[in-house]
Amino acid sequence: MEIASLSSEDTKRYDLLTSQAEKKIIANARFLNIDNCTLEGHNKYNMIYYDTPENLLTNAGILLYKTWEKGNHYFIVQRLNILPSTSKLRRNEIYRHKIDASDTPIMHSFYLINGIVSMFTTQFSIDLEYVIKNVKPIIIANVKAVYYKIFSGTGFKANLTFEDVVYINCINKRRKMNEELTVELLASQNFMPEFNKFTFLLEKYCKDILPKKESRFDYAKRVTQIQPKTVIDAKTTERKKKK
C-alpha cells in the first residue's frame, strides 16, 4: 500500500457535447498555446466501485474501487466529499495498492483495512474485516480511452484522454453512456499557471466541451439511479381530457 496525493487542481474533466469534439480540439491545438500534440495510444479498462448492500463503506465516508493506471491495476481507497463529523481524513491523500487484474477486495483485506484505518483519527463503529469480506460491485465504468500528449517549448506537458464510458449500476442494472475528456498535468507543480492557461483557452475556444464538477463516482450514481415516478392528480388528468 502506498500513499499518493490526490489533487483536483492538476486534473480537469469535461463532458464532450458533440462527437466532433476530439477532432476539433486536436485540429485547433495551435490556438491552445502548445507546440506539439502526439497520439500516444488506445486502451480499454474498467473501474469497479465496491460497497456492501447496506452501503457501510460510503456511509462511513470511504470510497473503495479497482482501476487501471499506466499499465498496472490497483485498489484505491479514497475519501468521499462528505464525511461523518466523527471522522477526519487527511486531505488530498489516497491509498493505492497494486494488484492483479482479476483480484477481489477480500484477497487484499489486510492491506485495505490497514489503509482505511490509517486515514482516520477515530475508531470505526463498523467491523472493517466483515465489510471487506462482504463488499460487492455497485458501479462499473467500462472505459475506452484515446491518449494524446501535449508539449510546449517551456517544458509544459500534459495528457489529453478522450474516453467513451459506459456506467453500469450493478443494483438496478441501469446503464448510461457518456463521452468525456480528462486533462492531466504531467510536469511539476511549477507549471500550474501554464496548465491553467491551457485549460482556460481550451474552454474558451472549444465549445464542444463542458467542465465536469462531479467526481466519476457521484456522476455515475446520479445518472443511473431510478427516477421516482411523477404522481399525476386524477382530477387534473380528467379536466385535461374534457378540454
C-alpha atoms as a PDB file:
ATOM      1  CA  MET A   1       0.000   0.000   0.000  1.00  0.00           C
ATOM      2  CA  GLU A   2       1.341   3.428  -0.914  1.00  0.00           C
ATOM      3  CA  ILE A   3       0.191   6.934  -0.137  1.00  0.00           C
ATOM      4  CA  ALA A   4      -0.387   9.167  -3.149  1.00  0.00           C
ATOM      5  CA  SER A   5      -1.551  12.740  -3.442  1.00  0.00           C
ATOM      6  CA  LEU A   6      -4.995  13.477  -4.837  1.00  0.00           C
ATOM      7  CA  SER A   7      -5.302  16.908  -6.377  1.00  0.00           C
ATOM      8  CA  SER A   8      -8.175  18.324  -8.364  1.00  0.00           C
ATOM      9  CA  GLU A   9      -6.042  21.288  -9.400  1.00  0.00           C
ATOM     10  CA  ASP A  10      -3.778  19.416 -11.820  1.00  0.00           C
ATOM     11  CA  THR A  11      -6.574  17.308 -13.334  1.00  0.00           C
ATOM     12  CA  LYS A  12      -9.709  18.599 -15.045  1.00  0.00           C
ATOM     13  CA  ARG A  13     -12.539  16.615 -16.553  1.00  0.00           C
ATOM     14  CA  TYR A  14     -15.106  17.560 -19.172  1.00  0.00           C
ATOM     15  CA  ASP A  15     -18.217  16.185 -20.832  1.00  0.00           C
ATOM     16  CA  LEU A  16     -17.986  16.074 -24.633  1.00  0.00           C
ATOM     17  CA  LEU A  17     -21.119  17.650 -26.065  1.00  0.00           C
ATOM     18  CA  THR A  18     -20.613  16.519 -29.667  1.00  0.00           C
ATOM     19  CA  SER A  19     -18.997  13.599 -31.450  1.00  0.00           C
ATOM     20  CA  GLN A  20     -16.672  16.077 -33.203  1.00  0.00           C
ATOM     21  CA  ALA A  21     -15.076  17.421 -30.014  1.00  0.00           C
ATOM     22  CA  GLU A  22     -11.912  15.316 -30.229  1.00  0.00           C
ATOM     23  CA  LYS A  23     -11.227  16.221 -33.870  1.00  0.00           C
ATOM     24  CA  LYS A  24     -11.848  19.925 -33.259  1.00  0.00           C
ATOM     25  CA  ILE A  25      -9.543  20.084 -30.230  1.00  0.00           C
ATOM     26  CA  ILE A  26      -6.668  18.286 -31.954  1.00  0.00           C
ATOM     27  CA  ALA A  27      -7.103  20.326 -35.170  1.00  0.00           C
ATOM     28  CA  ASN A  28      -7.004  23.607 -33.231  1.00  0.00           C
ATOM     29  CA  ALA A  29      -4.059  22.765 -30.983  1.00  0.00           C
ATOM     30  CA  ARG A  30      -2.165  25.828 -32.257  1.00  0.00           C
ATOM     31  CA  PHE A  31      -4.735  28.122 -30.609  1.00  0.00           C
ATOM     32  CA  LEU A  32      -4.174  26.463 -27.237  1.00  0.00           C
ATOM     33  CA  ASN A  33      -0.631  27.777 -26.673  1.00  0.00           C
ATOM     34  CA  ILE A  34       1.094  24.409 -27.224  1.00  0.00           C
ATOM     35  CA  ASP A  35       3.803  23.410 -29.694  1.00  0.00           C
ATOM     36  CA  ASN A  36       3.120  19.726 -30.240  1.00  0.00           C
ATOM     37  CA  CYS A  37       0.332  17.170 -29.827  1.00  0.00           C
ATOM     38  CA  THR A  38       1.029  13.479 -30.373  1.00  0.00           C
ATOM     39  CA  LEU A  39      -1.190  10.413 -30.265  1.00  0.00           C
ATOM     40  CA  GLU A  40       0.068   8.077 -27.520  1.00  0.00           C
ATOM     41  CA  GLY A  41      -2.256   5.114 -27.931  1.00  0.00           C
ATOM     42  CA  HIS A  42      -5.558   3.428 -27.068  1.00  0.00           C
ATOM     43  CA  ASN A  43      -6.708   1.331 -24.133  1.00  0.00           C
ATOM     44  CA  LYS A  44      -9.739  -0.398 -22.657  1.00  0.00           C
ATOM     45  CA  TYR A  45     -10.195  -0.882 -18.918  1.00  0.00           C
ATOM     46  CA  ASN A  46     -12.861  -0.782 -16.249  1.00  0.00           C
ATOM     47  CA  MET A  47     -13.309   0.831 -12.857  1.00  0.00           C
ATOM     48  CA  ILE A  48     -15.236  -1.156 -10.257  1.00  0.00           C
ATOM     49  CA  TYR A  49     -16.676   0.578  -7.175  1.00  0.00           C
ATOM     50  CA  TYR A  50     -17.418  -1.637  -4.164  1.00  0.00           C
ATOM     51  CA  ASP A  51     -19.719  -1.475  -1.156  1.00  0.00           C
ATOM     52  CA  THR A  52     -21.936  -3.693   0.990  1.00  0.00           C
ATOM     53  CA  PRO A  53     -25.708  -3.960   0.391  1.00  0.00           C
ATOM     54  CA  GLU A  54     -26.145  -1.618   3.386  1.00  0.00           C
ATOM     55  CA  ASN A  55     -23.657   0.932   1.940  1.00  0.00           C
ATOM     56  CA  LEU A  56     -21.472   0.614   5.031  1.00  0.00           C
ATOM     57  CA  LEU A  57     -18.355   1.975   3.311  1.00  0.00           C
ATOM     58  CA  THR A  58     -19.845   5.015   1.601  1.00  0.00           C
ATOM     59  CA  ASN A  59     -21.899   5.859   4.701  1.00  0.00           C
ATOM     60  CA  ALA A  60     -18.608   5.933   6.625  1.00  0.00           C
ATOM     61  CA  GLY A  61     -17.063   8.302   4.074  1.00  0.00           C
ATOM     62  CA  ILE A  62     -14.940   5.653   2.327  1.00  0.00           C
ATOM     63  CA  LEU A  63     -14.742   5.002  -1.395  1.00  0.00           C
ATOM     64  CA  LEU A  64     -13.176   1.712  -2.489  1.00  0.00           C
ATOM     65  CA  TYR A  65     -12.596   0.911  -6.140  1.00  0.00           C
ATOM     66  CA  LYS A  66     -10.423  -1.018  -8.551  1.00  0.00           C
ATOM     67  CA  THR A  67      -8.877   0.748 -11.529  1.00  0.00           C
ATOM     68  CA  TRP A  68      -6.104   0.694 -14.126  1.00  0.00           C
ATOM     69  CA  GLU A  69      -3.351   3.309 -14.184  1.00  0.00           C
ATOM     70  CA  LYS A  70      -0.358   3.440 -16.516  1.00  0.00           C
ATOM     71  CA  GLY A  71      -0.104  -0.298 -17.084  1.00  0.00           C
ATOM     72  CA  ASN A  72      -0.993  -1.517 -13.591  1.00  0.00           C
ATOM     73  CA  HIS A  73      -4.162  -2.455 -11.704  1.00  0.00           C
ATOM     74  CA  TYR A  74      -4.827  -1.031  -8.245  1.00  0.00           C
ATOM     75  CA  PHE A  75      -7.284  -0.963  -5.399  1.00  0.00           C
ATOM     76  CA  ILE A  76      -7.823   2.666  -4.375  1.00  0.00           C
ATOM     77  CA  VAL A  77      -9.129   3.855  -1.007  1.00  0.00           C
ATOM     78  CA  GLN A  78     -10.331   7.451  -1.208  1.00  0.00           C
ATOM     79  CA  ARG A  79     -12.292   9.923   0.835  1.00  0.00           C
ATOM     80  CA  LEU A  80     -15.788  10.955  -0.150  1.00  0.00           C
ATOM     81  CA  ASN A  81     -16.732  14.620  -0.390  1.00  0.00           C
ATOM     82  CA  ILE A  82     -18.920  14.499   2.707  1.00  0.00           C
ATOM     83  CA  LEU A  83     -17.728  12.636   5.776  1.00  0.00           C
ATOM     84  CA  PRO A  84     -19.443  11.994   9.104  1.00  0.00           C
ATOM     85  CA  SER A  85     -18.482  14.649  11.628  1.00  0.00           C
ATOM     86  CA  THR A  86     -16.981  11.998  13.911  1.00  0.00           C
ATOM     87  CA  SER A  87     -14.267  11.081  11.406  1.00  0.00           C
ATOM     88  CA  LYS A  88     -11.458  13.153   9.962  1.00  0.00           C
ATOM     89  CA  LEU A  89      -9.440  12.197   6.929  1.00  0.00           C
ATOM     90  CA  ARG A  90      -6.182  13.728   5.822  1.00  0.00           C
ATOM     91  CA  ARG A  91      -6.992  15.823   2.774  1.00  0.00           C
ATOM     92  CA  ASN A  92      -5.538  15.224  -0.675  1.00  0.00           C
ATOM     93  CA  GLU A  93      -4.457  11.658   0.021  1.00  0.00           C
ATOM     94  CA  ILE A  94      -5.458   8.324  -1.387  1.00  0.00           C
ATOM     95  CA  TYR A  95      -4.139   4.835  -0.656  1.00  0.00           C
ATOM     96  CA  ARG A  96      -3.137   2.791  -3.666  1.00  0.00           C
ATOM     97  CA  HIS A  97      -2.441  -0.954  -3.550  1.00  0.00           C
ATOM     98  CA  LYS A  98      -1.100  -2.757  -6.624  1.00  0.00           C
ATOM     99  CA  ILE A  99      -2.961  -5.930  -7.615  1.00  0.00           C
ATOM    100  CA  ASP A 100      -3.578  -8.335 -10.476  1.00  0.00           C
ATOM    101  CA  ALA A 101      -6.445  -7.660 -12.872  1.00  0.00           C
ATOM    102  CA  SER A 102      -8.694 -10.446 -11.535  1.00  0.00           C
ATOM    103  CA  ASP A 103      -8.129  -9.796  -7.816  1.00  0.00           C
ATOM    104  CA  THR A 104     -11.035  -9.109  -5.467  1.00  0.00           C
ATOM    105  CA  PRO A 105     -11.069  -6.983  -2.271  1.00  0.00           C
ATOM    106  CA  ILE A 106     -11.175  -9.989   0.069  1.00  0.00           C
ATOM    107  CA  MET A 107      -7.833 -11.171  -1.371  1.00  0.00           C
ATOM    108  CA  HIS A 108      -6.220  -7.953  -0.104  1.00  0.00           C
ATOM    109  CA  SER A 109      -8.312  -7.313   3.014  1.00  0.00           C
ATOM    110  CA  PHE A 110      -5.263  -6.925   5.293  1.00  0.00           C
ATOM    111  CA  TYR A 111      -3.814  -4.077   3.214  1.00  0.00           C
ATOM    112  CA  LEU A 112      -7.158  -2.407   2.577  1.00  0.00           C
ATOM    113  CA  ILE A 113      -8.100  -2.408   6.261  1.00  0.00           C
ATOM    114  CA  ASN A 114      -4.703  -1.007   7.263  1.00  0.00           C
ATOM    115  CA  GLY A 115      -5.040   1.704   4.627  1.00  0.00           C
ATOM    116  CA  ILE A 116      -8.513   2.699   5.780  1.00  0.00           C
ATOM    117  CA  VAL A 117      -7.613   2.737   9.481  1.00  0.00           C
ATOM    118  CA  SER A 118      -4.503   4.841   8.921  1.00  0.00           C
ATOM    119  CA  MET A 119      -6.536   7.514   7.128  1.00  0.00           C
ATOM    120  CA  PHE A 120      -8.841   8.200  10.068  1.00  0.00           C
ATOM    121  CA  THR A 121      -8.097   9.589  13.522  1.00  0.00           C
ATOM    122  CA  THR A 122     -11.076   7.926  15.211  1.00  0.00           C
ATOM    123  CA  GLN A 123     -12.111   4.300  15.536  1.00  0.00           C
ATOM    124  CA  PHE A 124     -14.834   2.905  13.306  1.00  0.00           C
ATOM    125  CA  SER A 125     -18.121   1.617  14.687  1.00  0.00           C
ATOM    126  CA  ILE A 126     -18.231  -0.949  11.868  1.00  0.00           C
ATOM    127  CA  ASP A 127     -16.246  -4.160  11.595  1.00  0.00           C
ATOM    128  CA  LEU A 128     -13.947  -3.457   8.650  1.00  0.00           C
ATOM    129  CA  GLU A 129     -12.977  -7.098   8.268  1.00  0.00           C
ATOM    130  CA  TYR A 130     -16.657  -8.022   7.920  1.00  0.00           C
ATOM    131  CA  VAL A 131     -17.202  -5.136   5.499  1.00  0.00           C
ATOM    132  CA  ILE A 132     -14.330  -6.055   3.169  1.00  0.00           C
ATOM    133  CA  LYS A 133     -15.467  -9.699   3.125  1.00  0.00           C
ATOM    134  CA  ASN A 134     -18.974  -8.658   2.083  1.00  0.00           C
ATOM    135  CA  VAL A 135     -18.411  -5.880  -0.445  1.00  0.00           C
ATOM    136  CA  LYS A 136     -19.809  -6.354  -3.931  1.00  0.00           C
ATOM    137  CA  PRO A 137     -19.513  -4.264  -7.109  1.00  0.00           C
ATOM    138  CA  ILE A 138     -22.088  -1.463  -7.010  1.00  0.00           C
ATOM    139  CA  ILE A 139     -21.000   0.558 -10.049  1.00  0.00           C
ATOM    140  CA  ILE A 140     -18.829  -0.409 -13.010  1.00  0.00           C
ATOM    141  CA  ALA A 141     -17.406   2.068 -15.512  1.00  0.00           C
ATOM    142  CA  ASN A 142     -16.210   0.475 -18.755  1.00  0.00           C
ATOM    143  CA  VAL A 143     -13.773   2.867 -20.425  1.00  0.00           C
ATOM    144  CA  LYS A 144     -12.398   3.095 -23.960  1.00  0.00           C
ATOM    145  CA  ALA A 145      -9.613   5.686 -23.929  1.00  0.00           C
ATOM    146  CA  VAL A 146      -7.563   7.520 -26.556  1.00  0.00           C
ATOM    147  CA  TYR A 147      -4.438   9.253 -25.220  1.00  0.00           C
ATOM    148  CA  TYR A 148      -2.686  12.348 -26.546  1.00  0.00           C
ATOM    149  CA  LYS A 149       0.343  14.094 -25.077  1.00  0.00           C
ATOM    150  CA  ILE A 150       0.806  17.840 -25.498  1.00  0.00           C
ATOM    151  CA  PHE A 151       4.056  19.800 -25.140  1.00  0.00           C
ATOM    152  CA  SER A 152       5.309  23.358 -25.231  1.00  0.00           C
ATOM    153  CA  GLY A 153       8.855  24.666 -25.535  1.00  0.00           C
ATOM    154  CA  THR A 154       8.769  25.866 -21.931  1.00  0.00           C
ATOM    155  CA  GLY A 155       8.707  22.282 -20.589  1.00  0.00           C
ATOM    156  CA  PHE A 156       4.973  22.207 -20.007  1.00  0.00           C
ATOM    157  CA  LYS A 157       3.368  18.850 -20.813  1.00  0.00           C
ATOM    158  CA  ALA A 158       0.000  17.257 -20.181  1.00  0.00           C
ATOM    159  CA  ASN A 159      -2.189  14.324 -21.184  1.00  0.00           C
ATOM    160  CA  LEU A 160      -5.479  14.636 -23.038  1.00  0.00           C
ATOM    161  CA  THR A 161      -7.545  11.479 -22.607  1.00  0.00           C
ATOM    162  CA  PHE A 162     -10.731  11.137 -24.653  1.00  0.00           C
ATOM    163  CA  GLU A 163     -12.982   8.484 -23.133  1.00  0.00           C
ATOM    164  CA  ASP A 164     -16.105   6.602 -24.157  1.00  0.00           C
ATOM    165  CA  VAL A 165     -17.550   5.459 -20.846  1.00  0.00           C
ATOM    166  CA  VAL A 166     -20.427   3.091 -20.092  1.00  0.00           C
ATOM    167  CA  TYR A 167     -21.583   3.413 -16.474  1.00  0.00           C
ATOM    168  CA  ILE A 168     -23.428   0.355 -15.116  1.00  0.00           C
ATOM    169  CA  ASN A 169     -25.356   0.352 -11.862  1.00  0.00           C
ATOM    170  CA  CYS A 170     -24.993  -3.209 -10.556  1.00  0.00           C
ATOM    171  CA  ILE A 171     -28.005  -2.853  -8.252  1.00  0.00           C
ATOM    172  CA  ASN A 172     -30.712  -1.722 -10.676  1.00  0.00           C
ATOM    173  CA  LYS A 173     -28.886  -2.693 -13.924  1.00  0.00           C
ATOM    174  CA  ARG A 174     -29.321   0.787 -15.420  1.00  0.00           C
ATOM    175  CA  ARG A 175     -26.703   1.986 -17.903  1.00  0.00           C
ATOM    176  CA  LYS A 176     -25.538   5.375 -19.071  1.00  0.00           C
ATOM    177  CA  MET A 177     -23.122   6.076 -21.931  1.00  0.00           C
ATOM    178  CA  ASN A 178     -21.050   9.267 -21.859  1.00  0.00           C
ATOM    179  CA  GLU A 179     -18.150  10.825 -23.768  1.00  0.00           C
ATOM    180  CA  GLU A 180     -15.574  12.575 -21.581  1.00  0.00           C
ATOM    181  CA  LEU A 181     -12.209  14.329 -21.663  1.00  0.00           C
ATOM    182  CA  THR A 182      -9.605  14.258 -18.890  1.00  0.00           C
ATOM    183  CA  VAL A 183      -6.758  16.800 -18.920  1.00  0.00           C
ATOM    184  CA  GLU A 184      -3.870  15.929 -16.583  1.00  0.00           C
ATOM    185  CA  LEU A 185      -0.718  17.916 -15.894  1.00  0.00           C
ATOM    186  CA  LEU A 186       2.406  15.779 -16.359  1.00  0.00           C
ATOM    187  CA  ALA A 187       5.017  18.387 -15.485  1.00  0.00           C
ATOM    188  CA  SER A 188       5.847  19.682 -11.992  1.00  0.00           C
ATOM    189  CA  GLN A 189       3.551  21.933  -9.985  1.00  0.00           C
ATOM    190  CA  ASN A 190       5.674  24.873 -11.160  1.00  0.00           C
ATOM    191  CA  PHE A 191       3.752  24.611 -14.440  1.00  0.00           C
ATOM    192  CA  MET A 192       0.339  25.075 -12.818  1.00  0.00           C
ATOM    193  CA  PRO A 193      -0.005  28.635 -14.241  1.00  0.00           C
ATOM    194  CA  GLU A 194       0.621  27.264 -17.744  1.00  0.00           C
ATOM    195  CA  PHE A 195      -1.797  24.385 -17.100  1.00  0.00           C
ATOM    196  CA  ASN A 196      -4.478  26.843 -16.003  1.00  0.00           C
ATOM    197  CA  LYS A 197      -3.822  28.976 -19.081  1.00  0.00           C
ATOM    198  CA  PHE A 198      -4.167  25.928 -21.321  1.00  0.00           C
ATOM    199  CA  THR A 199      -7.490  24.844 -19.783  1.00  0.00           C
ATOM    200  CA  PHE A 200      -8.735  28.453 -19.946  1.00  0.00           C
ATOM    201  CA  LEU A 201      -8.002  28.559 -23.682  1.00  0.00           C
ATOM    202  CA  LEU A 202      -9.470  25.076 -24.110  1.00  0.00           C
ATOM    203  CA  GLU A 203     -12.755  26.167 -22.556  1.00  0.00           C
ATOM    204  CA  LYS A 204     -12.715  29.463 -24.467  1.00  0.00           C
ATOM    205  CA  TYR A 205     -12.178  28.078 -27.976  1.00  0.00           C
ATOM    206  CA  CYS A 206     -13.717  24.608 -27.685  1.00  0.00           C
ATOM    207  CA  LYS A 207     -17.452  24.987 -27.216  1.00  0.00           C
ATOM    208  CA  ASP A 208     -17.957  21.242 -27.643  1.00  0.00           C
ATOM    209  CA  ILE A 209     -16.932  20.557 -24.030  1.00  0.00           C
ATOM    210  CA  LEU A 210     -18.449  21.295 -20.644  1.00  0.00           C
ATOM    211  CA  PRO A 211     -16.472  21.307 -17.350  1.00  0.00           C
ATOM    212  CA  LYS A 212     -17.418  18.382 -15.121  1.00  0.00           C
ATOM    213  CA  LYS A 213     -17.846  19.292 -11.456  1.00  0.00           C
ATOM    214  CA  GLU A 214     -18.788  15.873 -10.084  1.00  0.00           C
ATOM    215  CA  SER A 215     -16.468  13.000  -9.350  1.00  0.00           C
ATOM    216  CA  ARG A 216     -16.854   9.980 -11.620  1.00  0.00           C
ATOM    217  CA  PHE A 217     -18.496   8.047  -8.782  1.00  0.00           C
ATOM    218  CA  ASP A 218     -21.014  10.805  -7.944  1.00  0.00           C
ATOM    219  CA  TYR A 219     -21.860  11.240 -11.620  1.00  0.00           C
ATOM    220  CA  ALA A 220     -22.381   7.501 -12.100  1.00  0.00           C
ATOM    221  CA  LYS A 221     -24.675   7.291  -9.077  1.00  0.00           C
ATOM    222  CA  ARG A 222     -26.758  10.227 -10.263  1.00  0.00           C
ATOM    223  CA  VAL A 223     -27.247   9.209 -13.894  1.00  0.00           C
ATOM    224  CA  THR A 224     -28.020   5.543 -13.152  1.00  0.00           C
ATOM    225  CA  GLN A 225     -30.404   5.962 -10.250  1.00  0.00           C
ATOM    226  CA  ILE A 226     -34.075   5.127 -10.774  1.00  0.00           C
ATOM    227  CA  GLN A 227     -36.131   8.288 -11.063  1.00  0.00           C
ATOM    228  CA  PRO A 228     -39.296   8.369  -8.931  1.00  0.00           C
ATOM    229  CA  LYS A 229     -42.488   8.251 -10.947  1.00  0.00           C
ATOM    230  CA  THR A 230     -44.411  11.527 -11.089  1.00  0.00           C
ATOM    231  CA  VAL A 231     -47.728  11.315  -9.281  1.00  0.00           C
ATOM    232  CA  ILE A 232     -50.419  12.803 -11.508  1.00  0.00           C
ATOM    233  CA  ASP A 233     -53.509  14.174  -9.860  1.00  0.00           C
ATOM    234  CA  ALA A 234     -56.573  12.265 -11.137  1.00  0.00           C
ATOM    235  CA  LYS A 235     -58.820  15.361 -11.215  1.00  0.00           C
ATOM    236  CA  THR A 236     -56.264  17.342 -13.218  1.00  0.00           C
ATOM    237  CA  THR A 237     -55.996  14.494 -15.731  1.00  0.00           C
ATOM    238  CA  GLU A 238     -59.773  14.311 -16.104  1.00  0.00           C
ATOM    239  CA  ARG A 239     -60.056  18.073 -16.702  1.00  0.00           C
ATOM    240  CA  LYS A 240     -57.394  17.860 -19.428  1.00  0.00           C
ATOM    241  CA  LYS A 241     -59.307  15.028 -21.124  1.00  0.00           C
ATOM    242  CA  LYS A 242     -62.531  17.094 -21.166  1.00  0.00           C
ATOM    243  CA  LYS A 243     -60.720  20.029 -22.758  1.00  0.00           C
END
